[in-house]
PDB file of N, CA and C in Angstrom:
ATOM      1  N   MET A   1     -57.139  26.293  27.586  1.00  0.00           N
ATOM      2  CA  MET A   1     -57.432  26.410  26.209  1.00  0.00           C
ATOM      3  C   MET A   1     -56.229  26.057  25.337  1.00  0.00           C
ATOM      4  N   ALA A   2     -55.120  25.673  25.927  1.00  0.00           N
ATOM      5  CA  ALA A   2     -53.941  25.269  25.158  1.00  0.00           C
ATOM      6  C   ALA A   2     -54.195  23.926  24.519  1.00  0.00           C
ATOM      7  N   LYS A   3     -53.625  23.766  23.319  1.00  0.00           N
ATOM      8  CA  LYS A   3     -53.824  22.512  22.604  1.00  0.00           C
ATOM      9  C   LYS A   3     -52.887  21.458  23.170  1.00  0.00           C
ATOM     10  N   ALA A   4     -53.350  20.247  23.286  1.00  0.00           N
ATOM     11  CA  ALA A   4     -52.523  19.147  23.785  1.00  0.00           C
ATOM     12  C   ALA A   4     -51.692  18.599  22.638  1.00  0.00           C
ATOM     13  N   LYS A   5     -50.424  18.273  22.941  1.00  0.00           N
ATOM     14  CA  LYS A   5     -49.545  17.721  21.902  1.00  0.00           C
ATOM     15  C   LYS A   5     -49.894  16.264  21.668  1.00  0.00           C
ATOM     16  N   ALA A   6     -49.761  15.844  20.419  1.00  0.00           N
ATOM     17  CA  ALA A   6     -50.013  14.442  20.088  1.00  0.00           C
ATOM     18  C   ALA A   6     -48.795  13.627  20.474  1.00  0.00           C
ATOM     19  N   ALA A   7     -49.000  12.398  20.883  1.00  0.00           N
ATOM     20  CA  ALA A   7     -47.889  11.523  21.263  1.00  0.00           C
ATOM     21  C   ALA A   7     -47.077  11.186  20.015  1.00  0.00           C
ATOM     22  N   PRO A   8     -45.736  11.169  20.128  1.00  0.00           N
ATOM     23  CA  PRO A   8     -44.916  10.868  18.943  1.00  0.00           C
ATOM     24  C   PRO A   8     -45.127   9.421  18.494  1.00  0.00           C
ATOM     25  N   SER A   9     -45.267   9.261  17.195  1.00  0.00           N
ATOM     26  CA  SER A   9     -45.470   7.915  16.668  1.00  0.00           C
ATOM     27  C   SER A   9     -44.105   7.292  16.347  1.00  0.00           C
ATOM     28  N   ALA A  10     -44.085   6.004  16.057  1.00  0.00           N
ATOM     29  CA  ALA A  10     -42.838   5.293  15.786  1.00  0.00           C
ATOM     30  C   ALA A  10     -42.186   5.793  14.499  1.00  0.00           C
ATOM     31  N   SER A  11     -42.966   6.277  13.561  1.00  0.00           N
ATOM     32  CA  SER A  11     -42.415   6.716  12.277  1.00  0.00           C
ATOM     33  C   SER A  11     -41.873   8.142  12.330  1.00  0.00           C
ATOM     34  N   SER A  12     -42.044   8.828  13.445  1.00  0.00           N
ATOM     35  CA  SER A  12     -41.610  10.215  13.513  1.00  0.00           C
ATOM     36  C   SER A  12     -40.132  10.352  13.863  1.00  0.00           C
ATOM     37  N   GLY A  13     -39.433   9.258  14.093  1.00  0.00           N
ATOM     38  CA  GLY A  13     -37.999   9.331  14.339  1.00  0.00           C
ATOM     39  C   GLY A  13     -37.643   9.519  15.802  1.00  0.00           C
ATOM     40  N   GLY A  14     -38.565   9.287  16.692  1.00  0.00           N
ATOM     41  CA  GLY A  14     -38.282   9.424  18.115  1.00  0.00           C
ATOM     42  C   GLY A  14     -37.443   8.267  18.627  1.00  0.00           C
ATOM     43  N   LYS A  15     -37.384   8.115  19.941  1.00  0.00           N
ATOM     44  CA  LYS A  15     -36.575   7.068  20.545  1.00  0.00           C
ATOM     45  C   LYS A  15     -37.116   5.679  20.213  1.00  0.00           C
ATOM     46  N   ALA A  16     -38.395   5.608  19.942  1.00  0.00           N
ATOM     47  CA  ALA A  16     -39.003   4.315  19.646  1.00  0.00           C
ATOM     48  C   ALA A  16     -38.640   3.838  18.241  1.00  0.00           C
ATOM     49  N   ALA A  17     -38.031   4.721  17.422  1.00  0.00           N
ATOM     50  CA  ALA A  17     -37.662   4.338  16.052  1.00  0.00           C
ATOM     51  C   ALA A  17     -36.541   3.299  16.091  1.00  0.00           C
ATOM     52  N   LYS A  18     -36.400   2.563  15.016  1.00  0.00           N
ATOM     53  CA  LYS A  18     -35.391   1.502  14.934  1.00  0.00           C
ATOM     54  C   LYS A  18     -33.991   2.117  15.003  1.00  0.00           C
ATOM     55  N   LYS A  19     -33.126   1.588  15.861  1.00  0.00           N
ATOM     56  CA  LYS A  19     -31.773   2.113  15.997  1.00  0.00           C
ATOM     57  C   LYS A  19     -30.917   1.672  14.817  1.00  0.00           C
ATOM     58  N   LYS A  20     -29.993   2.559  14.421  1.00  0.00           N
ATOM     59  CA  LYS A  20     -29.107   2.243  13.307  1.00  0.00           C
ATOM     60  C   LYS A  20     -28.080   1.215  13.754  1.00  0.00           C
ATOM     61  N   LYS A  21     -27.892   0.199  12.949  1.00  0.00           N
ATOM     62  CA  LYS A  21     -26.905  -0.833  13.263  1.00  0.00           C
ATOM     63  C   LYS A  21     -25.605  -0.452  12.554  1.00  0.00           C
ATOM     64  N   TRP A  22     -24.548  -0.254  13.315  1.00  0.00           N
ATOM     65  CA  TRP A  22     -23.263   0.122  12.751  1.00  0.00           C
ATOM     66  C   TRP A  22     -22.554  -1.128  12.266  1.00  0.00           C
ATOM     67  N   SER A  23     -21.958  -1.009  11.092  1.00  0.00           N
ATOM     68  CA  SER A  23     -21.212  -2.154  10.554  1.00  0.00           C
ATOM     69  C   SER A  23     -19.880  -2.267  11.297  1.00  0.00           C
ATOM     70  N   LYS A  24     -19.304  -3.423  11.250  1.00  0.00           N
ATOM     71  CA  LYS A  24     -18.024  -3.649  11.918  1.00  0.00           C
ATOM     72  C   LYS A  24     -16.871  -3.050  11.127  1.00  0.00           C
ATOM     73  N   GLY A  25     -17.134  -2.568   9.914  1.00  0.00           N
ATOM     74  CA  GLY A  25     -16.086  -2.003   9.067  1.00  0.00           C
ATOM     75  C   GLY A  25     -15.440  -3.097   8.249  1.00  0.00           C
ATOM     76  N   LYS A  26     -14.738  -2.667   7.211  1.00  0.00           N
ATOM     77  CA  LYS A  26     -14.067  -3.637   6.356  1.00  0.00           C
ATOM     78  C   LYS A  26     -12.740  -4.018   6.981  1.00  0.00           C
ATOM     79  N   VAL A  27     -12.483  -5.303   7.074  1.00  0.00           N
ATOM     80  CA  VAL A  27     -11.241  -5.791   7.661  1.00  0.00           C
ATOM     81  C   VAL A  27     -10.303  -6.176   6.530  1.00  0.00           C
ATOM     82  N   LYS A  28      -9.130  -5.543   6.491  1.00  0.00           N
ATOM     83  CA  LYS A  28      -8.154  -5.836   5.450  1.00  0.00           C
ATOM     84  C   LYS A  28      -7.354  -7.060   5.862  1.00  0.00           C
ATOM     85  N   ASP A  29      -7.138  -7.955   4.895  1.00  0.00           N
ATOM     86  CA  ASP A  29      -6.345  -9.147   5.183  1.00  0.00           C
ATOM     87  C   ASP A  29      -4.899  -8.755   5.455  1.00  0.00           C
ATOM     88  N   LYS A  30      -4.289  -9.441   6.400  1.00  0.00           N
ATOM     89  CA  LYS A  30      -2.893  -9.164   6.735  1.00  0.00           C
ATOM     90  C   LYS A  30      -2.022  -9.665   5.592  1.00  0.00           C
ATOM     91  N   ALA A  31      -1.109  -8.808   5.147  1.00  0.00           N
ATOM     92  CA  ALA A  31      -0.246  -9.178   4.037  1.00  0.00           C
ATOM     93  C   ALA A  31       0.784 -10.204   4.486  1.00  0.00           C
ATOM     94  N   GLN A  32       0.998 -11.200   3.661  1.00  0.00           N
ATOM     95  CA  GLN A  32       1.998 -12.229   3.942  1.00  0.00           C
ATOM     96  C   GLN A  32       3.190 -11.997   3.018  1.00  0.00           C
ATOM     97  N   HIS A  33       4.062 -11.065   3.394  1.00  0.00           N
ATOM     98  CA  HIS A  33       5.217 -10.742   2.578  1.00  0.00           C
ATOM     99  C   HIS A  33       6.450 -11.463   3.090  1.00  0.00           C
ATOM    100  N   ALA A  34       7.358 -11.747   2.162  1.00  0.00           N
ATOM    101  CA  ALA A  34       8.596 -12.447   2.515  1.00  0.00           C
ATOM    102  C   ALA A  34       9.488 -11.538   3.360  1.00  0.00           C
ATOM    103  N   VAL A  35      10.085 -12.095   4.391  1.00  0.00           N
ATOM    104  CA  VAL A  35      10.989 -11.331   5.250  1.00  0.00           C
ATOM    105  C   VAL A  35      12.435 -11.748   5.065  1.00  0.00           C
ATOM    106  N   THR A  36      12.662 -12.832   4.336  1.00  0.00           N
ATOM    107  CA  THR A  36      14.029 -13.236   3.999  1.00  0.00           C
ATOM    108  C   THR A  36      14.134 -13.366   2.488  1.00  0.00           C
ATOM    109  N   LEU A  37      15.317 -13.157   1.977  1.00  0.00           N
ATOM    110  CA  LEU A  37      15.528 -13.171   0.529  1.00  0.00           C
ATOM    111  C   LEU A  37      16.038 -14.545   0.123  1.00  0.00           C
ATOM    112  N   ASP A  38      15.205 -15.288  -0.594  1.00  0.00           N
ATOM    113  CA  ASP A  38      15.648 -16.588  -1.086  1.00  0.00           C
ATOM    114  C   ASP A  38      16.166 -16.435  -2.517  1.00  0.00           C
ATOM    115  N   LYS A  39      16.725 -17.502  -3.045  1.00  0.00           N
ATOM    116  CA  LYS A  39      17.356 -17.461  -4.373  1.00  0.00           C
ATOM    117  C   LYS A  39      16.347 -17.094  -5.462  1.00  0.00           C
ATOM    118  N   ALA A  40      15.147 -17.648  -5.407  1.00  0.00           N
ATOM    119  CA  ALA A  40      14.136 -17.373  -6.436  1.00  0.00           C
ATOM    120  C   ALA A  40      13.748 -15.899  -6.439  1.00  0.00           C
ATOM    121  N   THR A  41      13.550 -15.324  -5.253  1.00  0.00           N
ATOM    122  CA  THR A  41      13.175 -13.915  -5.156  1.00  0.00           C
ATOM    123  C   THR A  41      14.313 -13.019  -5.638  1.00  0.00           C
ATOM    124  N   TYR A  42      15.542 -13.364  -5.267  1.00  0.00           N
ATOM    125  CA  TYR A  42      16.706 -12.576  -5.691  1.00  0.00           C
ATOM    126  C   TYR A  42      16.818 -12.579  -7.217  1.00  0.00           C
ATOM    127  N   ASP A  43      16.682 -13.752  -7.825  1.00  0.00           N
ATOM    128  CA  ASP A  43      16.765 -13.850  -9.283  1.00  0.00           C
ATOM    129  C   ASP A  43      15.658 -13.043  -9.954  1.00  0.00           C
ATOM    130  N   ARG A  44      14.475 -13.070  -9.356  1.00  0.00           N
ATOM    131  CA  ARG A  44      13.346 -12.316  -9.898  1.00  0.00           C
ATOM    132  C   ARG A  44      13.604 -10.808  -9.801  1.00  0.00           C
ATOM    133  N   ILE A  45      14.196 -10.366  -8.696  1.00  0.00           N
ATOM    134  CA  ILE A  45      14.521  -8.944  -8.523  1.00  0.00           C
ATOM    135  C   ILE A  45      15.533  -8.512  -9.581  1.00  0.00           C
ATOM    136  N   ILE A  46      16.586  -9.295  -9.762  1.00  0.00           N
ATOM    137  CA  ILE A  46      17.641  -8.950 -10.719  1.00  0.00           C
ATOM    138  C   ILE A  46      17.098  -8.932 -12.154  1.00  0.00           C
ATOM    139  N   LYS A  47      16.177  -9.840 -12.459  1.00  0.00           N
ATOM    140  CA  LYS A  47      15.658  -9.955 -13.824  1.00  0.00           C
ATOM    141  C   LYS A  47      14.563  -8.933 -14.130  1.00  0.00           C
ATOM    142  N   GLU A  48      13.594  -8.764 -13.224  1.00  0.00           N
ATOM    143  CA  GLU A  48      12.401  -7.973 -13.517  1.00  0.00           C
ATOM    144  C   GLU A  48      12.513  -6.495 -13.168  1.00  0.00           C
ATOM    145  N   VAL A  49      13.092  -6.177 -12.019  1.00  0.00           N
ATOM    146  CA  VAL A  49      13.043  -4.801 -11.517  1.00  0.00           C
ATOM    147  C   VAL A  49      13.714  -3.803 -12.466  1.00  0.00           C
ATOM    148  N   PRO A  50      14.865  -4.119 -13.070  1.00  0.00           N
ATOM    149  CA  PRO A  50      15.462  -3.135 -13.990  1.00  0.00           C
ATOM    150  C   PRO A  50      14.603  -2.837 -15.227  1.00  0.00           C
ATOM    151  N   THR A  51      13.565  -3.628 -15.484  1.00  0.00           N
ATOM    152  CA  THR A  51      12.693  -3.355 -16.624  1.00  0.00           C
ATOM    153  C   THR A  51      11.525  -2.451 -16.245  1.00  0.00           C
ATOM    154  N   PHE A  52      11.306  -2.217 -14.945  1.00  0.00           N
ATOM    155  CA  PHE A  52      10.222  -1.333 -14.515  1.00  0.00           C
ATOM    156  C   PHE A  52      10.565   0.103 -14.904  1.00  0.00           C
ATOM    157  N   LYS A  53       9.558   0.852 -15.333  1.00  0.00           N
ATOM    158  CA  LYS A  53       9.786   2.251 -15.689  1.00  0.00           C
ATOM    159  C   LYS A  53       9.882   3.119 -14.437  1.00  0.00           C
ATOM    160  N   PHE A  54       9.104   2.775 -13.432  1.00  0.00           N
ATOM    161  CA  PHE A  54       9.057   3.530 -12.173  1.00  0.00           C
ATOM    162  C   PHE A  54       9.347   2.550 -11.044  1.00  0.00           C
ATOM    163  N   ILE A  55      10.388   2.817 -10.269  1.00  0.00           N
ATOM    164  CA  ILE A  55      10.796   1.892  -9.208  1.00  0.00           C
ATOM    165  C   ILE A  55      10.825   2.648  -7.886  1.00  0.00           C
ATOM    166  N   SER A  56      10.085   2.136  -6.913  1.00  0.00           N
ATOM    167  CA  SER A  56      10.131   2.687  -5.560  1.00  0.00           C
ATOM    168  C   SER A  56       9.947   1.518  -4.592  1.00  0.00           C
ATOM    169  N   GLN A  57      10.135   1.810  -3.334  1.00  0.00           N
ATOM    170  CA  GLN A  57       9.967   0.777  -2.312  1.00  0.00           C
ATOM    171  C   GLN A  57       8.560   0.209  -2.351  1.00  0.00           C
ATOM    172  N   SER A  58       7.573   1.074  -2.515  1.00  0.00           N
ATOM    173  CA  SER A  58       6.173   0.636  -2.542  1.00  0.00           C
ATOM    174  C   SER A  58       5.890  -0.307  -3.712  1.00  0.00           C
ATOM    175  N   ILE A  59       6.469  -0.009  -4.862  1.00  0.00           N
ATOM    176  CA  ILE A  59       6.261  -0.840  -6.052  1.00  0.00           C
ATOM    177  C   ILE A  59       6.816  -2.242  -5.819  1.00  0.00           C
ATOM    178  N   LEU A  60       8.022  -2.322  -5.247  1.00  0.00           N
ATOM    179  CA  LEU A  60       8.627  -3.635  -5.000  1.00  0.00           C
ATOM    180  C   LEU A  60       7.819  -4.430  -3.986  1.00  0.00           C
ATOM    181  N   ILE A  61       7.323  -3.777  -2.956  1.00  0.00           N
ATOM    182  CA  ILE A  61       6.509  -4.458  -1.944  1.00  0.00           C
ATOM    183  C   ILE A  61       5.254  -5.031  -2.583  1.00  0.00           C
ATOM    184  N   GLU A  62       4.604  -4.228  -3.416  1.00  0.00           N
ATOM    185  CA  GLU A  62       3.342  -4.643  -4.024  1.00  0.00           C
ATOM    186  C   GLU A  62       3.533  -5.755  -5.051  1.00  0.00           C
ATOM    187  N   ARG A  63       4.515  -5.605  -5.929  1.00  0.00           N
ATOM    188  CA  ARG A  63       4.669  -6.555  -7.030  1.00  0.00           C
ATOM    189  C   ARG A  63       5.411  -7.828  -6.651  1.00  0.00           C
ATOM    190  N   LEU A  64       6.428  -7.707  -5.788  1.00  0.00           N
ATOM    191  CA  LEU A  64       7.260  -8.867  -5.472  1.00  0.00           C
ATOM    192  C   LEU A  64       6.906  -9.521  -4.143  1.00  0.00           C
ATOM    193  N   LYS A  65       5.989  -8.926  -3.394  1.00  0.00           N
ATOM    194  CA  LYS A  65       5.535  -9.462  -2.104  1.00  0.00           C
ATOM    195  C   LYS A  65       6.694  -9.665  -1.128  1.00  0.00           C
ATOM    196  N   VAL A  66       7.531  -8.621  -1.012  1.00  0.00           N
ATOM    197  CA  VAL A  66       8.604  -8.624  -0.015  1.00  0.00           C
ATOM    198  C   VAL A  66       8.308  -7.503   0.971  1.00  0.00           C
ATOM    199  N   ASN A  67       8.923  -7.558   2.149  1.00  0.00           N
ATOM    200  CA  ASN A  67       8.648  -6.495   3.115  1.00  0.00           C
ATOM    201  C   ASN A  67       9.504  -5.266   2.798  1.00  0.00           C
ATOM    202  N   GLY A  68       9.272  -4.193   3.523  1.00  0.00           N
ATOM    203  CA  GLY A  68       9.892  -2.916   3.205  1.00  0.00           C
ATOM    204  C   GLY A  68      11.398  -2.901   3.316  1.00  0.00           C
ATOM    205  N   SER A  69      11.948  -3.551   4.323  1.00  0.00           N
ATOM    206  CA  SER A  69      13.397  -3.533   4.488  1.00  0.00           C
ATOM    207  C   SER A  69      14.090  -4.289   3.357  1.00  0.00           C
ATOM    208  N   LEU A  70      13.493  -5.390   2.903  1.00  0.00           N
ATOM    209  CA  LEU A  70      14.064  -6.117   1.760  1.00  0.00           C
ATOM    210  C   LEU A  70      13.992  -5.273   0.497  1.00  0.00           C
ATOM    211  N   ALA A  71      12.907  -4.542   0.333  1.00  0.00           N
ATOM    212  CA  ALA A  71      12.757  -3.699  -0.853  1.00  0.00           C
ATOM    213  C   ALA A  71      13.829  -2.613  -0.873  1.00  0.00           C
ATOM    214  N   ARG A  72      14.094  -1.988   0.271  1.00  0.00           N
ATOM    215  CA  ARG A  72      15.131  -0.950   0.341  1.00  0.00           C
ATOM    216  C   ARG A  72      16.506  -1.528   0.021  1.00  0.00           C
ATOM    217  N   ILE A  73      16.802  -2.703   0.565  1.00  0.00           N
ATOM    218  CA  ILE A  73      18.094  -3.345   0.321  1.00  0.00           C
ATOM    219  C   ILE A  73      18.241  -3.687  -1.159  1.00  0.00           C
ATOM    220  N   ALA A  74      17.179  -4.206  -1.754  1.00  0.00           N
ATOM    221  CA  ALA A  74      17.217  -4.572  -3.166  1.00  0.00           C
ATOM    222  C   ALA A  74      17.461  -3.342  -4.041  1.00  0.00           C
ATOM    223  N   ILE A  75      16.802  -2.233  -3.721  1.00  0.00           N
ATOM    224  CA  ILE A  75      16.980  -1.002  -4.492  1.00  0.00           C
ATOM    225  C   ILE A  75      18.418  -0.509  -4.384  1.00  0.00           C
ATOM    226  N   ARG A  76      18.981  -0.523  -3.168  1.00  0.00           N
ATOM    227  CA  ARG A  76      20.375  -0.088  -2.988  1.00  0.00           C
ATOM    228  C   ARG A  76      21.336  -0.964  -3.786  1.00  0.00           C
ATOM    229  N   HIS A  77      21.082  -2.271  -3.775  1.00  0.00           N
ATOM    230  CA  HIS A  77      21.930  -3.219  -4.502  1.00  0.00           C
ATOM    231  C   HIS A  77      21.864  -2.965  -6.012  1.00  0.00           C
ATOM    232  N   LEU A  78      20.663  -2.772  -6.537  1.00  0.00           N
ATOM    233  CA  LEU A  78      20.500  -2.531  -7.970  1.00  0.00           C
ATOM    234  C   LEU A  78      21.139  -1.212  -8.401  1.00  0.00           C
ATOM    235  N   GLU A  79      21.083  -0.201  -7.529  1.00  0.00           N
ATOM    236  CA  GLU A  79      21.711   1.081  -7.859  1.00  0.00           C
ATOM    237  C   GLU A  79      23.231   0.943  -7.879  1.00  0.00           C
ATOM    238  N   LYS A  80      23.765   0.193  -6.915  1.00  0.00           N
ATOM    239  CA  LYS A  80      25.212  -0.026  -6.855  1.00  0.00           C
ATOM    240  C   LYS A  80      25.704  -0.781  -8.093  1.00  0.00           C
ATOM    241  N   GLU A  81      24.890  -1.726  -8.574  1.00  0.00           N
ATOM    242  CA  GLU A  81      25.235  -2.501  -9.773  1.00  0.00           C
ATOM    243  C   GLU A  81      25.078  -1.675 -11.051  1.00  0.00           C
ATOM    244  N   GLY A  82      24.387  -0.539 -10.971  1.00  0.00           N
ATOM    245  CA  GLY A  82      24.183   0.310 -12.139  1.00  0.00           C
ATOM    246  C   GLY A  82      22.997  -0.106 -12.999  1.00  0.00           C
ATOM    247  N   LEU A  83      22.118  -0.945 -12.455  1.00  0.00           N
ATOM    248  CA  LEU A  83      20.960  -1.412 -13.217  1.00  0.00           C
ATOM    249  C   LEU A  83      19.800  -0.418 -13.189  1.00  0.00           C
ATOM    250  N   ILE A  84      19.757   0.426 -12.150  1.00  0.00           N
ATOM    251  CA  ILE A  84      18.722   1.454 -12.051  1.00  0.00           C
ATOM    252  C   ILE A  84      19.393   2.777 -11.688  1.00  0.00           C
ATOM    253  N   LYS A  85      18.720   3.892 -11.953  1.00  0.00           N
ATOM    254  CA  LYS A  85      19.277   5.185 -11.573  1.00  0.00           C
ATOM    255  C   LYS A  85      18.252   5.988 -10.781  1.00  0.00           C
ATOM    256  N   ARG A  86      18.760   6.811  -9.887  1.00  0.00           N
ATOM    257  CA  ARG A  86      17.900   7.584  -8.992  1.00  0.00           C
ATOM    258  C   ARG A  86      17.343   8.811  -9.709  1.00  0.00           C
ATOM    259  N   ILE A  87      16.046   9.058  -9.488  1.00  0.00           N
ATOM    260  CA  ILE A  87      15.406  10.268 -10.015  1.00  0.00           C
ATOM    261  C   ILE A  87      15.242  11.282  -8.887  1.00  0.00           C
ATOM    262  N   VAL A  88      14.595  10.840  -7.812  1.00  0.00           N
ATOM    263  CA  VAL A  88      14.304  11.724  -6.685  1.00  0.00           C
ATOM    264  C   VAL A  88      14.822  11.091  -5.412  1.00  0.00           C
ATOM    265  N   HIS A  89      15.499  11.891  -4.583  1.00  0.00           N
ATOM    266  CA  HIS A  89      15.938  11.406  -3.276  1.00  0.00           C
ATOM    267  C   HIS A  89      15.303  12.301  -2.224  1.00  0.00           C
ATOM    268  N   HIS A  90      14.172  11.834  -1.693  1.00  0.00           N
ATOM    269  CA  HIS A  90      13.505  12.535  -0.604  1.00  0.00           C
ATOM    270  C   HIS A  90      13.936  11.837   0.672  1.00  0.00           C
ATOM    271  N   SER A  91      13.552  12.365   1.821  1.00  0.00           N
ATOM    272  CA  SER A  91      14.015  11.798   3.087  1.00  0.00           C
ATOM    273  C   SER A  91      13.642  10.329   3.229  1.00  0.00           C
ATOM    274  N   SER A  92      12.434   9.957   2.827  1.00  0.00           N
ATOM    275  CA  SER A  92      12.026   8.561   3.004  1.00  0.00           C
ATOM    276  C   SER A  92      11.575   7.901   1.714  1.00  0.00           C
ATOM    277  N   GLN A  93      11.183   8.683   0.705  1.00  0.00           N
ATOM    278  CA  GLN A  93      10.680   8.110  -0.544  1.00  0.00           C
ATOM    279  C   GLN A  93      11.731   8.272  -1.629  1.00  0.00           C
ATOM    280  N   LEU A  94      12.342   7.159  -2.019  1.00  0.00           N
ATOM    281  CA  LEU A  94      13.341   7.161  -3.075  1.00  0.00           C
ATOM    282  C   LEU A  94      12.682   6.672  -4.359  1.00  0.00           C
ATOM    283  N   ILE A  95      12.873   7.412  -5.440  1.00  0.00           N
ATOM    284  CA  ILE A  95      12.255   7.044  -6.707  1.00  0.00           C
ATOM    285  C   ILE A  95      13.360   6.815  -7.730  1.00  0.00           C
ATOM    286  N   TYR A  96      13.265   5.695  -8.413  1.00  0.00           N
ATOM    287  CA  TYR A  96      14.265   5.293  -9.390  1.00  0.00           C
ATOM    288  C   TYR A  96      13.591   4.962 -10.708  1.00  0.00           C
ATOM    289  N   THR A  97      14.407   4.841 -11.751  1.00  0.00           N
ATOM    290  CA  THR A  97      13.940   4.374 -13.035  1.00  0.00           C
ATOM    291  C   THR A  97      14.989   3.447 -13.624  1.00  0.00           C
ATOM    292  N   ARG A  98      14.657   2.774 -14.697  1.00  0.00           N
ATOM    293  CA  ARG A  98      15.618   1.852 -15.296  1.00  0.00           C
ATOM    294  C   ARG A  98      16.772   2.641 -15.912  1.00  0.00           C
ATOM    295  N   ALA A  99      17.947   2.063 -15.872  1.00  0.00           N
ATOM    296  CA  ALA A  99      19.110   2.698 -16.471  1.00  0.00           C
ATOM    297  C   ALA A  99      19.096   2.398 -17.963  1.00  0.00           C
ATOM    298  N   THR A 100      19.203   3.454 -18.768  1.00  0.00           N
ATOM    299  CA  THR A 100      19.194   3.249 -20.215  1.00  0.00           C
ATOM    300  C   THR A 100      20.622   3.054 -20.704  1.00  0.00           C
ATOM    301  N   GLY A 101      20.777   2.442 -21.874  1.00  0.00           N
ATOM    302  CA  GLY A 101      22.106   2.137 -22.412  1.00  0.00           C
ATOM    303  C   GLY A 101      22.855   3.381 -22.867  1.00  0.00           C
ATOM    304  N   ALA A 102      22.144   4.500 -23.107  1.00  0.00           N
ATOM    305  CA  ALA A 102      22.782   5.716 -23.598  1.00  0.00           C
ATOM    306  C   ALA A 102      23.665   6.372 -22.547  1.00  0.00           C
ATOM    307  N   GLU A 103      23.394   6.090 -21.291  1.00  0.00           N
ATOM    308  CA  GLU A 103      24.130   6.765 -20.209  1.00  0.00           C
ATOM    309  C   GLU A 103      25.236   5.915 -19.660  1.00  0.00           C
TER     310      GLU A 103
END
């Protein structure tokens, strides 16, 4: 006297339902940043970077398309020249700003 179960239909979400197709994910293009400092890039660093309000390694990488080691070297050079001044010195993230004439 037990009732018989109905067979699962395709729309009920059983194994016969359409399988989800996983996307391959978004592929980020590999960055083509300069690994050597040429004269044009050096002149651009000397001219533009001291005018930035906020200067960090990440900013130089993004705006000037140089790699991280070049950005660190450029920041050290600009600080030594007195064109920028340090705000925060954390273990790995150095934050600088433009040097004002009052100081």
